[in-house]
PDB file of all heavy atoms in Angstrom:
ATOM      1  N   PHE A   1      88.300  70.196  38.969  1.00  0.00           N
ATOM      2  CA  PHE A   1      89.209  70.426  37.849  1.00  0.00           C
ATOM      3  C   PHE A   1      88.613  71.374  36.816  1.00  0.00           C
ATOM      4  O   PHE A   1      89.229  72.366  36.422  1.00  0.00           O
ATOM      5  CB  PHE A   1      89.554  69.077  37.194  1.00  0.00           C
ATOM      6  CG  PHE A   1      90.357  69.179  35.937  1.00  0.00           C
ATOM      7  CD1 PHE A   1      91.733  69.301  35.985  1.00  0.00           C
ATOM      8  CD2 PHE A   1      89.731  69.152  34.694  1.00  0.00           C
ATOM      9  CE1 PHE A   1      92.486  69.390  34.823  1.00  0.00           C
ATOM     10  CE2 PHE A   1      90.470  69.241  33.529  1.00  0.00           C
ATOM     11  CZ  PHE A   1      91.845  69.368  33.596  1.00  0.00           C
ATOM     12  N   VAL A   2      87.414  71.061  36.353  1.00  0.00           N
ATOM     13  CA  VAL A   2      86.796  71.830  35.276  1.00  0.00           C
ATOM     14  C   VAL A   2      86.616  73.301  35.654  1.00  0.00           C
ATOM     15  O   VAL A   2      87.137  74.181  34.969  1.00  0.00           O
ATOM     16  CB  VAL A   2      85.472  71.188  34.809  1.00  0.00           C
ATOM     17  CG1 VAL A   2      84.731  72.095  33.843  1.00  0.00           C
ATOM     18  CG2 VAL A   2      85.749  69.826  34.174  1.00  0.00           C
ATOM     19  N   PRO A   3      85.900  73.621  36.735  1.00  0.00           N
ATOM     20  CA  PRO A   3      85.717  75.050  37.026  1.00  0.00           C
ATOM     21  C   PRO A   3      87.028  75.759  37.371  1.00  0.00           C
ATOM     22  O   PRO A   3      87.218  76.926  37.016  1.00  0.00           O
ATOM     23  CB  PRO A   3      84.739  75.079  38.206  1.00  0.00           C
ATOM     24  CG  PRO A   3      84.721  73.710  38.764  1.00  0.00           C
ATOM     25  CD  PRO A   3      85.165  72.773  37.683  1.00  0.00           C
ATOM     26  N   HIS A   4      87.938  75.062  38.039  1.00  0.00           N
ATOM     27  CA  HIS A   4      89.217  75.683  38.410  1.00  0.00           C
ATOM     28  C   HIS A   4      89.980  76.149  37.176  1.00  0.00           C
ATOM     29  O   HIS A   4      90.383  77.307  37.076  1.00  0.00           O
ATOM     30  CB  HIS A   4      90.078  74.712  39.226  1.00  0.00           C
ATOM     31  CG  HIS A   4      91.459  75.208  39.474  1.00  0.00           C
ATOM     32  ND1 HIS A   4      91.740  76.173  40.430  1.00  0.00           N
ATOM     33  CD2 HIS A   4      92.637  74.911  38.870  1.00  0.00           C
ATOM     34  CE1 HIS A   4      93.035  76.440  40.412  1.00  0.00           C
ATOM     35  NE2 HIS A   4      93.609  75.679  39.467  1.00  0.00           N
ATOM     36  N   TYR A   5      90.185  75.232  36.215  1.00  0.00           N
ATOM     37  CA  TYR A   5      90.981  75.582  35.035  1.00  0.00           C
ATOM     38  C   TYR A   5      90.216  76.460  34.055  1.00  0.00           C
ATOM     39  O   TYR A   5      90.815  77.285  33.362  1.00  0.00           O
ATOM     40  CB  TYR A   5      91.525  74.325  34.359  1.00  0.00           C
ATOM     41  CG  TYR A   5      92.682  73.768  35.144  1.00  0.00           C
ATOM     42  CD1 TYR A   5      92.504  72.711  36.027  1.00  0.00           C
ATOM     43  CD2 TYR A   5      93.942  74.340  35.054  1.00  0.00           C
ATOM     44  CE1 TYR A   5      93.558  72.216  36.771  1.00  0.00           C
ATOM     45  CE2 TYR A   5      95.011  73.854  35.809  1.00  0.00           C
ATOM     46  CZ  TYR A   5      94.801  72.796  36.656  1.00  0.00           C
ATOM     47  OH  TYR A   5      95.850  72.321  37.408  1.00  0.00           O
ATOM     48  N   ARG A   6      88.912  76.325  34.013  1.00  0.00           N
ATOM     49  CA  ARG A   6      88.107  77.199  33.151  1.00  0.00           C
ATOM     50  C   ARG A   6      88.237  78.640  33.634  1.00  0.00           C
ATOM     51  O   ARG A   6      88.515  79.548  32.852  1.00  0.00           O
ATOM     52  CB  ARG A   6      86.646  76.737  33.142  1.00  0.00           C
ATOM     53  CG  ARG A   6      85.786  77.479  32.129  1.00  0.00           C
ATOM     54  CD  ARG A   6      84.349  76.993  32.129  1.00  0.00           C
ATOM     55  NE  ARG A   6      83.760  76.892  33.455  1.00  0.00           N
ATOM     56  CZ  ARG A   6      83.416  77.925  34.222  1.00  0.00           C
ATOM     57  NH1 ARG A   6      83.630  79.162  33.825  1.00  0.00           N
ATOM     58  NH2 ARG A   6      82.872  77.730  35.407  1.00  0.00           N
ATOM     59  N   GLU A   7      88.078  78.840  34.934  1.00  0.00           N
ATOM     60  CA  GLU A   7      88.172  80.185  35.499  1.00  0.00           C
ATOM     61  C   GLU A   7      89.601  80.716  35.455  1.00  0.00           C
ATOM     62  O   GLU A   7      89.816  81.900  35.164  1.00  0.00           O
ATOM     63  CB  GLU A   7      87.631  80.181  36.934  1.00  0.00           C
ATOM     64  CG  GLU A   7      86.130  79.939  36.981  1.00  0.00           C
ATOM     65  CD  GLU A   7      85.600  79.641  38.382  1.00  0.00           C
ATOM     66  OE1 GLU A   7      86.342  79.823  39.375  1.00  0.00           O
ATOM     67  OE2 GLU A   7      84.434  79.213  38.471  1.00  0.00           O
ATOM     68  N   LEU A   8      90.573  79.867  35.732  1.00  0.00           N
ATOM     69  CA  LEU A   8      91.979  80.265  35.705  1.00  0.00           C
ATOM     70  C   LEU A   8      92.376  80.827  34.338  1.00  0.00           C
ATOM     71  O   LEU A   8      93.164  81.766  34.241  1.00  0.00           O
ATOM     72  CB  LEU A   8      92.869  79.065  36.057  1.00  0.00           C
ATOM     73  CG  LEU A   8      94.374  79.317  36.119  1.00  0.00           C
ATOM     74  CD1 LEU A   8      94.729  80.251  37.282  1.00  0.00           C
ATOM     75  CD2 LEU A   8      95.115  77.999  36.264  1.00  0.00           C
ATOM     76  N   HIS A   9      91.790  80.276  33.285  1.00  0.00           N
ATOM     77  CA  HIS A   9      92.125  80.706  31.927  1.00  0.00           C
ATOM     78  C   HIS A   9      91.102  81.670  31.331  1.00  0.00           C
ATOM     79  O   HIS A   9      91.158  81.963  30.128  1.00  0.00           O
ATOM     80  CB  HIS A   9      92.301  79.473  31.030  1.00  0.00           C
ATOM     81  CG  HIS A   9      93.526  78.699  31.375  1.00  0.00           C
ATOM     82  ND1 HIS A   9      94.768  78.997  30.864  1.00  0.00           N
ATOM     83  CD2 HIS A   9      93.721  77.653  32.217  1.00  0.00           C
ATOM     84  CE1 HIS A   9      95.662  78.169  31.358  1.00  0.00           C
ATOM     85  NE2 HIS A   9      95.056  77.341  32.184  1.00  0.00           N
ATOM     86  N   GLY A  10      90.193  82.169  32.155  1.00  0.00           N
ATOM     87  CA  GLY A  10      89.239  83.176  31.698  1.00  0.00           C
ATOM     88  C   GLY A  10      88.247  82.671  30.661  1.00  0.00           C
ATOM     89  O   GLY A  10      87.823  83.419  29.781  1.00  0.00           O
ATOM     90  N   ILE A  11      87.872  81.411  30.804  1.00  0.00           N
ATOM     91  CA  ILE A  11      86.942  80.787  29.854  1.00  0.00           C
ATOM     92  C   ILE A  11      85.538  80.816  30.461  1.00  0.00           C
ATOM     93  O   ILE A  11      85.342  80.460  31.618  1.00  0.00           O
ATOM     94  CB  ILE A  11      87.371  79.335  29.557  1.00  0.00           C
ATOM     95  CG1 ILE A  11      88.784  79.325  28.944  1.00  0.00           C
ATOM     96  CG2 ILE A  11      86.369  78.652  28.648  1.00  0.00           C
ATOM     97  CD1 ILE A  11      89.420  77.947  28.882  1.00  0.00           C
ATOM     98  N   THR A  12      84.570  81.231  29.663  1.00  0.00           N
ATOM     99  CA  THR A  12      83.187  81.344  30.106  1.00  0.00           C
ATOM    100  C   THR A  12      82.442  80.037  29.899  1.00  0.00           C
ATOM    101  O   THR A  12      82.584  79.393  28.857  1.00  0.00           O
ATOM    102  CB  THR A  12      82.475  82.475  29.322  1.00  0.00           C
ATOM    103  OG1 THR A  12      83.209  83.693  29.503  1.00  0.00           O
ATOM    104  CG2 THR A  12      81.046  82.666  29.786  1.00  0.00           C
ATOM    105  N   GLU A  13      81.644  79.667  30.871  1.00  0.00           N
ATOM    106  CA  GLU A  13      80.828  78.448  30.776  1.00  0.00           C
ATOM    107  C   GLU A  13      79.682  78.664  29.795  1.00  0.00           C
ATOM    108  O   GLU A  13      79.035  79.718  29.799  1.00  0.00           O
ATOM    109  CB  GLU A  13      80.251  78.135  32.164  1.00  0.00           C
ATOM    110  CG  GLU A  13      79.294  76.983  32.178  1.00  0.00           C
ATOM    111  CD  GLU A  13      78.607  76.803  33.527  1.00  0.00           C
ATOM    112  OE1 GLU A  13      78.805  77.644  34.428  1.00  0.00           O
ATOM    113  OE2 GLU A  13      77.851  75.826  33.665  1.00  0.00           O
ATOM    114  N   LEU A  14      79.435  77.671  28.957  1.00  0.00           N
ATOM    115  CA  LEU A  14      78.292  77.707  28.045  1.00  0.00           C
ATOM    116  C   LEU A  14      77.356  76.559  28.414  1.00  0.00           C
ATOM    117  O   LEU A  14      77.653  75.391  28.144  1.00  0.00           O
ATOM    118  CB  LEU A  14      78.735  77.570  26.582  1.00  0.00           C
ATOM    119  CG  LEU A  14      77.605  77.574  25.548  1.00  0.00           C
ATOM    120  CD1 LEU A  14      76.871  78.920  25.542  1.00  0.00           C
ATOM    121  CD2 LEU A  14      78.146  77.250  24.163  1.00  0.00           C
ATOM    122  N   PRO A  15      76.223  76.866  29.060  1.00  0.00           N
ATOM    123  CA  PRO A  15      75.265  75.812  29.417  1.00  0.00           C
ATOM    124  C   PRO A  15      74.646  75.193  28.160  1.00  0.00           C
ATOM    125  O   PRO A  15      74.642  75.795  27.089  1.00  0.00           O
ATOM    126  CB  PRO A  15      74.189  76.554  30.216  1.00  0.00           C
ATOM    127  CG  PRO A  15      74.820  77.844  30.622  1.00  0.00           C
ATOM    128  CD  PRO A  15      75.818  78.173  29.547  1.00  0.00           C
ATOM    129  N   LEU A  16      74.115  74.002  28.316  1.00  0.00           N
ATOM    130  CA  LEU A  16      73.427  73.328  27.217  1.00  0.00           C
ATOM    131  C   LEU A  16      71.941  73.656  27.313  1.00  0.00           C
ATOM    132  O   LEU A  16      71.273  73.267  28.266  1.00  0.00           O
ATOM    133  CB  LEU A  16      73.642  71.810  27.297  1.00  0.00           C
ATOM    134  CG  LEU A  16      72.971  70.976  26.217  1.00  0.00           C
ATOM    135  CD1 LEU A  16      73.445  71.380  24.825  1.00  0.00           C
ATOM    136  CD2 LEU A  16      73.210  69.492  26.464  1.00  0.00           C
ATOM    137  N   TYR A  17      71.454  74.376  26.306  1.00  0.00           N
ATOM    138  CA  TYR A  17      70.055  74.779  26.269  1.00  0.00           C
ATOM    139  C   TYR A  17      69.281  73.921  25.267  1.00  0.00           C
ATOM    140  O   TYR A  17      69.851  73.371  24.329  1.00  0.00           O
ATOM    141  CB  TYR A  17      69.928  76.249  25.858  1.00  0.00           C
ATOM    142  CG  TYR A  17      70.514  77.208  26.860  1.00  0.00           C
ATOM    143  CD1 TYR A  17      71.684  77.912  26.569  1.00  0.00           C
ATOM    144  CD2 TYR A  17      69.917  77.411  28.104  1.00  0.00           C
ATOM    145  CE1 TYR A  17      72.232  78.791  27.488  1.00  0.00           C
ATOM    146  CE2 TYR A  17      70.453  78.290  29.030  1.00  0.00           C
ATOM    147  CZ  TYR A  17      71.613  78.980  28.714  1.00  0.00           C
ATOM    148  OH  TYR A  17      72.160  79.850  29.623  1.00  0.00           O
ATOM    149  N   GLU A  18      67.983  73.862  25.470  1.00  0.00           N
ATOM    150  CA  GLU A  18      67.112  73.076  24.599  1.00  0.00           C
ATOM    151  C   GLU A  18      67.273  73.462  23.127  1.00  0.00           C
ATOM    152  O   GLU A  18      67.273  72.595  22.243  1.00  0.00           O
ATOM    153  CB  GLU A  18      65.652  73.267  25.034  1.00  0.00           C
ATOM    154  CG  GLU A  18      64.664  72.473  24.216  1.00  0.00           C
ATOM    155  CD  GLU A  18      63.245  72.717  24.668  1.00  0.00           C
ATOM    156  OE1 GLU A  18      62.669  73.745  24.247  1.00  0.00           O
ATOM    157  OE2 GLU A  18      62.723  71.894  25.442  1.00  0.00           O
ATOM    158  N   GLU A  19      67.410  74.734  22.850  1.00  0.00           N
ATOM    159  CA  GLU A  19      67.574  75.209  21.467  1.00  0.00           C
ATOM    160  C   GLU A  19      68.721  74.474  20.769  1.00  0.00           C
ATOM    161  O   GLU A  19      68.608  74.063  19.613  1.00  0.00           O
ATOM    162  CB  GLU A  19      67.847  76.715  21.467  1.00  0.00           C
ATOM    163  CG  GLU A  19      68.202  77.282  20.118  1.00  0.00           C
ATOM    164  CD  GLU A  19      68.692  78.716  20.191  1.00  0.00           C
ATOM    165  OE1 GLU A  19      68.763  79.298  21.287  1.00  0.00           O
ATOM    166  OE2 GLU A  19      69.020  79.244  19.121  1.00  0.00           O
ATOM    167  N   ALA A  20      69.815  74.297  21.482  1.00  0.00           N
ATOM    168  CA  ALA A  20      70.970  73.591  20.910  1.00  0.00           C
ATOM    169  C   ALA A  20      70.674  72.100  20.770  1.00  0.00           C
ATOM    170  O   ALA A  20      70.993  71.494  19.742  1.00  0.00           O
ATOM    171  CB  ALA A  20      72.205  73.805  21.769  1.00  0.00           C
ATOM    172  N   VAL A  21      70.055  71.509  21.767  1.00  0.00           N
ATOM    173  CA  VAL A  21      69.750  70.071  21.718  1.00  0.00           C
ATOM    174  C   VAL A  21      68.851  69.757  20.525  1.00  0.00           C
ATOM    175  O   VAL A  21      69.045  68.746  19.837  1.00  0.00           O
ATOM    176  CB  VAL A  21      69.090  69.607  23.037  1.00  0.00           C
ATOM    177  CG1 VAL A  21      68.626  68.161  22.932  1.00  0.00           C
ATOM    178  CG2 VAL A  21      70.047  69.779  24.208  1.00  0.00           C
ATOM    179  N   LEU A  22      67.908  70.622  20.224  1.00  0.00           N
ATOM    180  CA  LEU A  22      66.986  70.379  19.121  1.00  0.00           C
ATOM    181  C   LEU A  22      67.673  70.402  17.760  1.00  0.00           C
ATOM    182  O   LEU A  22      67.152  69.854  16.783  1.00  0.00           O
ATOM    183  CB  LEU A  22      65.832  71.384  19.163  1.00  0.00           C
ATOM    184  CG  LEU A  22      64.922  71.255  20.398  1.00  0.00           C
ATOM    185  CD1 LEU A  22      63.882  72.357  20.414  1.00  0.00           C
ATOM    186  CD2 LEU A  22      64.283  69.880  20.475  1.00  0.00           C
ATOM    187  N   GLN A  23      68.849  70.999  17.679  1.00  0.00           N
ATOM    188  CA  GLN A  23      69.629  70.982  16.437  1.00  0.00           C
ATOM    189  C   GLN A  23      70.038  69.547  16.070  1.00  0.00           C
ATOM    190  O   GLN A  23      70.284  69.248  14.906  1.00  0.00           O
ATOM    191  CB  GLN A  23      70.895  71.842  16.571  1.00  0.00           C
ATOM    192  CG  GLN A  23      70.651  73.317  16.701  1.00  0.00           C
ATOM    193  CD  GLN A  23      70.099  73.911  15.422  1.00  0.00           C
ATOM    194  OE1 GLN A  23      70.423  73.482  14.325  1.00  0.00           O
ATOM    195  NE2 GLN A  23      69.253  74.905  15.573  1.00  0.00           N
ATOM    196  N   LEU A  24      70.116  68.695  17.069  1.00  0.00           N
ATOM    197  CA  LEU A  24      70.547  67.309  16.856  1.00  0.00           C
ATOM    198  C   LEU A  24      69.707  66.597  15.792  1.00  0.00           C
ATOM    199  O   LEU A  24      70.222  65.807  14.999  1.00  0.00           O
ATOM    200  CB  LEU A  24      70.499  66.547  18.181  1.00  0.00           C
ATOM    201  CG  LEU A  24      71.179  65.197  18.239  1.00  0.00           C
ATOM    202  CD1 LEU A  24      72.642  65.299  17.857  1.00  0.00           C
ATOM    203  CD2 LEU A  24      71.043  64.620  19.635  1.00  0.00           C
ATOM    204  N   SER A  25      68.417  66.903  15.741  1.00  0.00           N
ATOM    205  CA  SER A  25      67.525  66.248  14.768  1.00  0.00           C
ATOM    206  C   SER A  25      67.865  66.629  13.326  1.00  0.00           C
ATOM    207  O   SER A  25      67.448  65.951  12.396  1.00  0.00           O
ATOM    208  CB  SER A  25      66.066  66.593  15.066  1.00  0.00           C
ATOM    209  OG  SER A  25      65.839  67.980  14.846  1.00  0.00           O
ATOM    210  N   ARG A  26      68.643  67.675  13.143  1.00  0.00           N
ATOM    211  CA  ARG A  26      69.006  68.146  11.797  1.00  0.00           C
ATOM    212  C   ARG A  26      70.378  67.656  11.343  1.00  0.00           C
ATOM    213  O   ARG A  26      70.763  67.888  10.205  1.00  0.00           O
ATOM    214  CB  ARG A  26      69.002  69.664  11.768  1.00  0.00           C
ATOM    215  CG  ARG A  26      67.653  70.256  12.041  1.00  0.00           C
ATOM    216  CD  ARG A  26      67.716  71.754  11.974  1.00  0.00           C
ATOM    217  NE  ARG A  26      66.405  72.312  12.244  1.00  0.00           N
ATOM    218  CZ  ARG A  26      66.205  73.470  12.799  1.00  0.00           C
ATOM    219  NH1 ARG A  26      67.215  74.233  13.142  1.00  0.00           N
ATOM    220  NH2 ARG A  26      64.985  73.901  13.022  1.00  0.00           N
ATOM    221  N   LEU A  27      71.123  67.019  12.241  1.00  0.00           N
ATOM    222  CA  LEU A  27      72.488  66.613  11.901  1.00  0.00           C
ATOM    223  C   LEU A  27      72.522  65.253  11.219  1.00  0.00           C
ATOM    224  O   LEU A  27      71.919  64.300  11.698  1.00  0.00           O
ATOM    225  CB  LEU A  27      73.356  66.519  13.161  1.00  0.00           C
ATOM    226  CG  LEU A  27      73.688  67.785  13.921  1.00  0.00           C
ATOM    227  CD1 LEU A  27      74.643  67.459  15.060  1.00  0.00           C
ATOM    228  CD2 LEU A  27      74.264  68.852  13.028  1.00  0.00           C
ATOM    229  N   PRO A  28      73.272  65.151  10.132  1.00  0.00           N
ATOM    230  CA  PRO A  28      73.499  63.820   9.563  1.00  0.00           C
ATOM    231  C   PRO A  28      74.401  63.030  10.506  1.00  0.00           C
ATOM    232  O   PRO A  28      75.140  63.608  11.308  1.00  0.00           O
ATOM    233  CB  PRO A  28      74.206  64.115   8.234  1.00  0.00           C
ATOM    234  CG  PRO A  28      74.777  65.476   8.385  1.00  0.00           C
ATOM    235  CD  PRO A  28      73.917  66.207   9.379  1.00  0.00           C
ATOM    236  N   ALA A  29      74.369  61.728  10.406  1.00  0.00           N
ATOM    237  CA  ALA A  29      75.112  60.865  11.337  1.00  0.00           C
ATOM    238  C   ALA A  29      76.558  60.649  10.886  1.00  0.00           C
ATOM    239  O   ALA A  29      77.041  59.527  10.847  1.00  0.00           O
ATOM    240  CB  ALA A  29      74.398  59.540  11.488  1.00  0.00           C
ATOM    241  N   VAL A  30      77.257  61.727  10.577  1.00  0.00           N
ATOM    242  CA  VAL A  30      78.654  61.636  10.155  1.00  0.00           C
ATOM    243  C   VAL A  30      79.542  61.300  11.354  1.00  0.00           C
ATOM    244  O   VAL A  30      80.402  60.439  11.284  1.00  0.00           O
ATOM    245  CB  VAL A  30      79.119  62.974   9.516  1.00  0.00           C
ATOM    246  CG1 VAL A  30      80.594  62.946   9.198  1.00  0.00           C
ATOM    247  CG2 VAL A  30      78.298  63.273   8.281  1.00  0.00           C
ATOM    248  N   HIS A  31      79.312  61.990  12.447  1.00  0.00           N
ATOM    249  CA  HIS A  31      80.136  61.836  13.652  1.00  0.00           C
ATOM    250  C   HIS A  31      79.362  61.007  14.671  1.00  0.00           C
ATOM    251  O   HIS A  31      78.210  61.294  14.956  1.00  0.00           O
ATOM    252  CB  HIS A  31      80.456  63.208  14.233  1.00  0.00           C
ATOM    253  CG  HIS A  31      81.741  63.259  14.984  1.00  0.00           C
ATOM    254  ND1 HIS A  31      82.073  62.377  15.972  1.00  0.00           N
ATOM    255  CD2 HIS A  31      82.789  64.109  14.886  1.00  0.00           C
ATOM    256  CE1 HIS A  31      83.261  62.685  16.457  1.00  0.00           C
ATOM    257  NE2 HIS A  31      83.726  63.726  15.801  1.00  0.00           N
ATOM    258  N   LYS A  32      79.995  59.985  15.216  1.00  0.00           N
ATOM    259  CA  LYS A  32      79.315  59.091  16.163  1.00  0.00           C
ATOM    260  C   LYS A  32      79.481  59.522  17.620  1.00  0.00           C
ATOM    261  O   LYS A  32      78.746  59.075  18.483  1.00  0.00           O
ATOM    262  CB  LYS A  32      79.831  57.658  16.007  1.00  0.00           C
ATOM    263  CG  LYS A  32      79.685  57.107  14.604  1.00  0.00           C
ATOM    264  CD  LYS A  32      78.253  57.038  14.158  1.00  0.00           C
ATOM    265  CE  LYS A  32      78.146  56.449  12.770  1.00  0.00           C
ATOM    266  NZ  LYS A  32      77.019  56.894  12.020  1.00  0.00           N
ATOM    267  N   ASP A  33      80.448  60.393  17.906  1.00  0.00           N
ATOM    268  CA  ASP A  33      80.721  60.807  19.282  1.00  0.00           C
ATOM    269  C   ASP A  33      79.609  61.751  19.768  1.00  0.00           C
ATOM    270  O   ASP A  33      79.442  62.844  19.218  1.00  0.00           O
ATOM    271  CB  ASP A  33      82.077  61.508  19.339  1.00  0.00           C
ATOM    272  CG  ASP A  33      82.484  61.895  20.744  1.00  0.00           C
ATOM    273  OD1 ASP A  33      81.669  62.504  21.471  1.00  0.00           O
ATOM    274  OD2 ASP A  33      83.625  61.604  21.125  1.00  0.00           O
TER     275      ASP A  33
END
């Protein structure tokens, strides 16, 4: 489902890199999801 509809609509995949994960330590706990 995911790759089919992503490609069908011309949406580019964005992998999760360590740089982004490390931002988590800077976020206040406003959002629980």
